[in-house]
C-alpha atoms as a PDB file:
ATOM      1  CA  UNK A   1       5.585 -26.810 -10.176  1.00  0.00           C
ATOM      2  CA  UNK A   2       5.720 -25.612  -6.558  1.00  0.00           C
ATOM      3  CA  UNK A   3       2.569 -25.710  -4.446  1.00  0.00           C
ATOM      4  CA  UNK A   4       0.163 -22.780  -4.415  1.00  0.00           C
ATOM      5  CA  UNK A   5       1.299 -21.961  -0.874  1.00  0.00           C
ATOM      6  CA  UNK A   6       4.933 -21.817  -1.993  1.00  0.00           C
ATOM      7  CA  UNK A   7       4.034 -19.617  -4.965  1.00  0.00           C
ATOM      8  CA  UNK A   8       1.979 -17.328  -2.739  1.00  0.00           C
ATOM      9  CA  UNK A   9       4.853 -17.058  -0.257  1.00  0.00           C
ATOM     10  CA  UNK A  10       7.254 -16.099  -3.044  1.00  0.00           C
ATOM     11  CA  UNK A  11       4.864 -13.491  -4.402  1.00  0.00           C
ATOM     12  CA  UNK A  12       4.430 -11.933  -0.962  1.00  0.00           C
ATOM     13  CA  UNK A  13       8.179 -12.031  -0.320  1.00  0.00           C
ATOM     14  CA  UNK A  14       8.706 -10.139  -3.570  1.00  0.00           C
ATOM     15  CA  UNK A  15       5.876  -7.659  -3.198  1.00  0.00           C
ATOM     16  CA  UNK A  16       6.042  -6.729   0.502  1.00  0.00           C
ATOM     17  CA  UNK A  17       9.401  -4.937   0.362  1.00  0.00           C
ATOM     18  CA  UNK A  18       8.310  -3.355  -2.922  1.00  0.00           C
ATOM     19  CA  UNK A  19       5.279  -1.907  -1.097  1.00  0.00           C
ATOM     20  CA  UNK A  20       7.583  -0.240   1.415  1.00  0.00           C
ATOM     21  CA  UNK A  21       9.927   1.026  -1.291  1.00  0.00           C
ATOM     22  CA  UNK A  22       7.173   2.572  -3.414  1.00  0.00           C
ATOM     23  CA  UNK A  23       5.531   4.043  -0.332  1.00  0.00           C
ATOM     24  CA  UNK A  24       8.801   5.695   0.601  1.00  0.00           C
ATOM     25  CA  UNK A  25       9.225   7.029  -2.952  1.00  0.00           C
ATOM     26  CA  UNK A  26       5.726   8.518  -3.007  1.00  0.00           C
ATOM     27  CA  UNK A  27       5.957  10.030   0.473  1.00  0.00           C
ATOM     28  CA  UNK A  28       9.348  11.540  -0.239  1.00  0.00           C
ATOM     29  CA  UNK A  29       8.029  13.088  -3.463  1.00  0.00           C
ATOM     30  CA  UNK A  30       4.695  14.361  -2.149  1.00  0.00           C
ATOM     31  CA  UNK A  31       5.574  15.851   1.240  1.00  0.00           C
ATOM     32  CA  UNK A  32       7.372  18.926  -0.146  1.00  0.00           C
ATOM     33  CA  UNK A  33       4.431  19.614  -2.484  1.00  0.00           C
ATOM     34  CA  UNK A  34       2.011  19.647   0.461  1.00  0.00           C
ATOM     35  CA  UNK A  35       3.851  22.321   2.407  1.00  0.00           C
ATOM     36  CA  UNK A  36       4.750  22.628   6.038  1.00  0.00           C
ATOM     37  CA  UNK A  37       1.199  22.036   7.259  1.00  0.00           C
ATOM     38  CA  UNK A  38       1.215  18.462   5.952  1.00  0.00           C
ATOM     39  CA  UNK A  39       1.052  15.703   8.549  1.00  0.00           C
ATOM     40  CA  UNK A  40       3.900  13.296   7.693  1.00  0.00           C
ATOM     41  CA  UNK A  41       2.340  10.463   9.716  1.00  0.00           C
ATOM     42  CA  UNK A  42      -0.981  10.817   7.908  1.00  0.00           C
ATOM     43  CA  UNK A  43       0.781  10.951   4.537  1.00  0.00           C
ATOM     44  CA  UNK A  44       2.797   7.836   5.378  1.00  0.00           C
ATOM     45  CA  UNK A  45      -0.221   5.856   6.602  1.00  0.00           C
ATOM     46  CA  UNK A  46      -2.475   6.770   3.683  1.00  0.00           C
ATOM     47  CA  UNK A  47       0.268   6.083   1.184  1.00  0.00           C
ATOM     48  CA  UNK A  48       1.216   2.748   2.710  1.00  0.00           C
ATOM     49  CA  UNK A  49      -2.392   1.554   2.696  1.00  0.00           C
ATOM     50  CA  UNK A  50      -2.963   2.751  -0.876  1.00  0.00           C
ATOM     51  CA  UNK A  51       0.190   1.049  -2.160  1.00  0.00           C
ATOM     52  CA  UNK A  52      -0.499  -2.162  -0.217  1.00  0.00           C
ATOM     53  CA  UNK A  53      -4.034  -2.344  -1.611  1.00  0.00           C
ATOM     54  CA  UNK A  54      -2.933  -1.708  -5.197  1.00  0.00           C
ATOM     55  CA  UNK A  55      -0.166  -4.280  -4.801  1.00  0.00           C
ATOM     56  CA  UNK A  56      -2.555  -6.874  -3.410  1.00  0.00           C
ATOM     57  CA  UNK A  57      -4.926  -6.378  -6.344  1.00  0.00           C
ATOM     58  CA  UNK A  58      -2.116  -6.703  -8.893  1.00  0.00           C
ATOM     59  CA  UNK A  59      -0.848  -9.915  -7.284  1.00  0.00           C
ATOM     60  CA  UNK A  60      -4.381 -11.322  -7.014  1.00  0.00           C
ATOM     61  CA  UNK A  61      -4.934 -10.808 -10.733  1.00  0.00           C
ATOM     62  CA  UNK A  62      -1.585 -12.454 -11.441  1.00  0.00           C
ATOM     63  CA  UNK A  63      -2.729 -15.506  -9.470  1.00  0.00           C
ATOM     64  CA  UNK A  64      -6.178 -15.591 -11.086  1.00  0.00           C
ATOM     65  CA  UNK A  65      -5.589 -19.136 -12.373  1.00  0.00           C
ATOM     66  CA  UNK A  66      -4.764 -20.302  -8.832  1.00  0.00           C
ATOM     67  CA  UNK A  67      -7.808 -19.258  -6.793  1.00  0.00           C
ATOM     68  CA  UNK A  68      -6.552 -21.018  -3.665  1.00  0.00           C
ATOM     69  CA  UNK A  69      -3.565 -18.651  -3.623  1.00  0.00           C
ATOM     70  CA  UNK A  70      -5.447 -15.461  -4.527  1.00  0.00           C
ATOM     71  CA  UNK A  71      -6.947 -15.036  -1.061  1.00  0.00           C
ATOM     72  CA  UNK A  72      -3.658 -15.792   0.677  1.00  0.00           C
ATOM     73  CA  UNK A  73      -1.665 -13.332  -1.409  1.00  0.00           C
ATOM     74  CA  UNK A  74      -4.313 -10.624  -1.232  1.00  0.00           C
ATOM     75  CA  UNK A  75      -4.786 -10.910   2.525  1.00  0.00           C
ATOM     76  CA  UNK A  76      -1.064 -10.936   3.264  1.00  0.00           C
ATOM     77  CA  UNK A  77      -0.363  -7.882   1.131  1.00  0.00           C
ATOM     78  CA  UNK A  78      -3.294  -5.839   2.405  1.00  0.00           C
ATOM     79  CA  UNK A  79      -2.039  -6.525   5.939  1.00  0.00           C
ATOM     80  CA  UNK A  80       1.410  -5.046   5.237  1.00  0.00           C
ATOM     81  CA  UNK A  81       0.466  -1.710   6.892  1.00  0.00           C
ATOM     82  CA  UNK A  82      -0.623  -3.555  10.055  1.00  0.00           C
ATOM     83  CA  UNK A  83       2.530  -5.677  10.081  1.00  0.00           C
ATOM     84  CA  UNK A  84       4.677  -2.623   9.480  1.00  0.00           C
ATOM     85  CA  UNK A  85       3.070  -0.857  12.429  1.00  0.00           C
ATOM     86  CA  UNK A  86       3.723  -3.975  14.544  1.00  0.00           C
ATOM     87  CA  UNK A  87       7.348  -3.909  13.413  1.00  0.00           C
ATOM     88  CA  UNK A  88       7.767  -0.221  14.281  1.00  0.00           C
ATOM     89  CA  UNK A  89       6.095  -0.744  17.635  1.00  0.00           C
ATOM     90  CA  UNK A  90       8.265  -3.766  18.374  1.00  0.00           C
ATOM     91  CA  UNK A  91      11.398  -1.866  17.417  1.00  0.00           C
ATOM     92  CA  UNK A  92      10.443   0.943  19.775  1.00  0.00           C
ATOM     93  CA  UNK A  93       9.693  -1.460  22.621  1.00  0.00           C
ATOM     94  CA  UNK A  94      12.967  -3.328  22.194  1.00  0.00           C
ATOM     95  CA  UNK A  95      14.934  -0.075  22.002  1.00  0.00           C
ATOM     96  CA  UNK A  96      13.288   1.125  25.215  1.00  0.00           C
ATOM     97  CA  UNK A  97      13.921  -2.205  26.924  1.00  0.00           C
ATOM     98  CA  UNK A  98      10.229  -2.755  27.588  1.00  0.00           C
ATOM     99  CA  UNK A  99       9.457  -6.098  29.149  1.00  0.00           C
ATOM    100  CA  UNK A 100       6.225  -7.982  29.625  1.00  0.00           C
ATOM    101  CA  UNK A 101       2.858  -6.720  28.561  1.00  0.00           C
ATOM    102  CA  UNK A 102       2.675  -3.313  26.956  1.00  0.00           C
ATOM    103  CA  UNK A 103      -0.599  -1.596  26.230  1.00  0.00           C
ATOM    104  CA  UNK A 104      -0.886  -0.860  22.532  1.00  0.00           C
ATOM    105  CA  UNK A 105      -3.060   1.929  21.205  1.00  0.00           C
ATOM    106  CA  UNK A 106      -5.674  -0.011  19.251  1.00  0.00           C
ATOM    107  CA  UNK A 107      -6.923   3.098  17.471  1.00  0.00           C
ATOM    108  CA  UNK A 108      -4.033   2.768  15.025  1.00  0.00           C
ATOM    109  CA  UNK A 109      -5.326  -0.618  13.888  1.00  0.00           C
ATOM    110  CA  UNK A 110      -8.861   0.731  13.566  1.00  0.00           C
ATOM    111  CA  UNK A 111      -7.603   3.696  11.571  1.00  0.00           C
ATOM    112  CA  UNK A 112      -5.547   1.481   9.243  1.00  0.00           C
ATOM    113  CA  UNK A 113      -8.518  -0.852   8.739  1.00  0.00           C
ATOM    114  CA  UNK A 114     -10.768   2.078   7.783  1.00  0.00           C
ATOM    115  CA  UNK A 115      -8.191   3.271   5.271  1.00  0.00           C
ATOM    116  CA  UNK A 116      -7.910  -0.248   3.862  1.00  0.00           C
ATOM    117  CA  UNK A 117     -11.693  -0.391   3.439  1.00  0.00           C
ATOM    118  CA  UNK A 118     -11.674   2.954   1.642  1.00  0.00           C
ATOM    119  CA  UNK A 119      -8.958   1.984  -0.833  1.00  0.00           C
ATOM    120  CA  UNK A 120     -10.387  -1.518  -1.157  1.00  0.00           C
ATOM    121  CA  UNK A 121     -13.683  -0.015  -2.294  1.00  0.00           C
ATOM    122  CA  UNK A 122     -11.883   1.995  -4.989  1.00  0.00           C
ATOM    123  CA  UNK A 123      -9.537  -0.818  -6.003  1.00  0.00           C
ATOM    124  CA  UNK A 124     -11.843  -3.842  -5.869  1.00  0.00           C
ATOM    125  CA  UNK A 125     -10.643  -7.447  -5.749  1.00  0.00           C
ATOM    126  CA  UNK A 126     -10.302  -9.198  -9.084  1.00  0.00           C
ATOM    127  CA  UNK A 127      -9.547  -6.029 -11.042  1.00  0.00           C
ATOM    128  CA  UNK A 128      -6.067  -4.999 -12.055  1.00  0.00           C
ATOM    129  CA  UNK A 129      -5.104  -1.518 -10.835  1.00  0.00           C
ATOM    130  CA  UNK A 130      -3.608  -0.401 -14.121  1.00  0.00           C
ATOM    131  CA  UNK A 131      -2.784   3.145 -15.161  1.00  0.00           C
ATOM    132  CA  UNK A 132      -6.425   4.195 -15.506  1.00  0.00           C
ATOM    133  CA  UNK A 133      -7.512   2.786 -12.122  1.00  0.00           C
ATOM    134  CA  UNK A 134      -4.436   4.280 -10.472  1.00  0.00           C
ATOM    135  CA  UNK A 135      -5.112   7.644 -12.123  1.00  0.00           C
ATOM    136  CA  UNK A 136      -8.681   7.498 -10.780  1.00  0.00           C
ATOM    137  CA  UNK A 137      -7.735   6.690  -7.175  1.00  0.00           C
ATOM    138  CA  UNK A 138      -4.693   8.938  -6.820  1.00  0.00           C
ATOM    139  CA  UNK A 139      -6.695  12.226  -6.639  1.00  0.00           C
ATOM    140  CA  UNK A 140      -8.687  10.709  -3.770  1.00  0.00           C
ATOM    141  CA  UNK A 141      -5.423   9.840  -2.012  1.00  0.00           C
ATOM    142  CA  UNK A 142      -4.044  13.329  -2.663  1.00  0.00           C
ATOM    143  CA  UNK A 143      -7.207  14.880  -1.244  1.00  0.00           C
ATOM    144  CA  UNK A 144      -6.983  12.745   1.896  1.00  0.00           C
ATOM    145  CA  UNK A 145      -3.349  13.659   2.587  1.00  0.00           C
ATOM    146  CA  UNK A 146      -3.516  17.345   1.668  1.00  0.00           C
ATOM    147  CA  UNK A 147      -3.796  19.999   4.333  1.00  0.00           C
ATOM    148  CA  UNK A 148      -6.739  22.388   3.919  1.00  0.00           C
ATOM    149  CA  UNK A 149      -6.618  25.504   1.769  1.00  0.00           C
ATOM    150  CA  UNK A 150      -3.855  24.541  -0.644  1.00  0.00           C
ATOM    151  CA  UNK A 151      -3.930  26.791  -3.736  1.00  0.00           C
ATOM    152  CA  UNK A 152      -4.075  23.873  -6.188  1.00  0.00           C
ATOM    153  CA  UNK A 153      -6.423  20.921  -6.656  1.00  0.00           C
ATOM    154  CA  UNK A 154      -5.356  17.356  -5.922  1.00  0.00           C
ATOM    155  CA  UNK A 155      -5.358  16.664  -9.678  1.00  0.00           C
ATOM    156  CA  UNK A 156      -3.033  19.606 -10.330  1.00  0.00           C
ATOM    157  CA  UNK A 157      -0.605  18.508  -7.624  1.00  0.00           C
ATOM    158  CA  UNK A 158      -0.608  14.969  -8.993  1.00  0.00           C
ATOM    159  CA  UNK A 159      -0.014  16.144 -12.542  1.00  0.00           C
ATOM    160  CA  UNK A 160       3.018  18.126 -11.478  1.00  0.00           C
ATOM    161  CA  UNK A 161       4.541  15.214  -9.536  1.00  0.00           C
ATOM    162  CA  UNK A 162       3.895  12.230 -11.850  1.00  0.00           C
ATOM    163  CA  UNK A 163       3.173   9.946  -8.893  1.00  0.00           C
ATOM    164  CA  UNK A 164       0.441   7.958 -10.613  1.00  0.00           C
ATOM    165  CA  UNK A 165       3.008   6.730 -13.129  1.00  0.00           C
ATOM    166  CA  UNK A 166       5.249   5.455 -10.320  1.00  0.00           C
ATOM    167  CA  UNK A 167       2.434   3.454  -8.753  1.00  0.00           C
ATOM    168  CA  UNK A 168       1.248   2.149 -12.138  1.00  0.00           C
ATOM    169  CA  UNK A 169       4.746   0.874 -12.966  1.00  0.00           C
ATOM    170  CA  UNK A 170       4.841  -0.864  -9.593  1.00  0.00           C
ATOM    171  CA  UNK A 171       1.498  -2.614 -10.139  1.00  0.00           C
ATOM    172  CA  UNK A 172       2.563  -3.805 -13.598  1.00  0.00           C
ATOM    173  CA  UNK A 173       5.775  -5.202 -12.145  1.00  0.00           C
ATOM    174  CA  UNK A 174       3.932  -7.058  -9.368  1.00  0.00           C
ATOM    175  CA  UNK A 175       1.444  -8.443 -11.898  1.00  0.00           C
ATOM    176  CA  UNK A 176       4.238  -9.625 -14.192  1.00  0.00           C
ATOM    177  CA  UNK A 177       6.099 -11.277 -11.314  1.00  0.00           C
ATOM    178  CA  UNK A 178       2.962 -13.101 -10.135  1.00  0.00           C
ATOM    179  CA  UNK A 179       2.155 -14.233 -13.676  1.00  0.00           C
ATOM    180  CA  UNK A 180       5.682 -15.498 -14.150  1.00  0.00           C
ATOM    181  CA  UNK A 181       5.487 -17.469 -10.908  1.00  0.00           C
ATOM    182  CA  UNK A 182       2.345 -19.316 -11.962  1.00  0.00           C
ATOM    183  CA  UNK A 183       3.282 -19.905 -15.590  1.00  0.00           C
END
C-alpha cells in the first residue's frame, strides 16, 4: 500500500479540480436566479469556499482510518480558494509582464479566511457533509450571496435550483474516492 502522503496527494489531486468544477456549476446555475444586482465576485468566492470546505470534510472522513493523512488532506483542500486566488493573480501578473515585487492586496486573503471559518463552523471536521448537512448549510450560503430585497427566501431559491443535490453528489463522490484509496 502506498504511504499516507502518497494517498493524501492522490486524494487532493482528485478533489481539487472537482472543487473548481462544482463551484463553476453552482455559480453558473445561481447567478441568473439572483438577478442583475448580484455580485459575481462575491458569489464566486462564497461558493468556492463552501465547496472547498465540504470537499475537505468529505475527504477527511474518507481518510478517517489514516489520521496522519486527514490533516494533510483537509488543510490542502480548504486552501484551494487561496491557491486559486494566487493562480489568478499570477496569471494576471504574467499577462501584464510584471517583474519583481508586486504589492498584493492582503484583504482578499483575510476575506477568504473569514469565509473559511464561517463554513468550517457549519461543516465541522470529522463529520461527513451528506445531503442533510449540505441542505442545512446551503440556505446560509444563499443568504450570503443574495442581493438585498429579493422577493423569495434563500430556501425557496434553493428549492427551485436543486443546487444542494449537486453539492451532495460531489461530497459522496469525494468520500467514495478517498475510501477506495485507503482500502
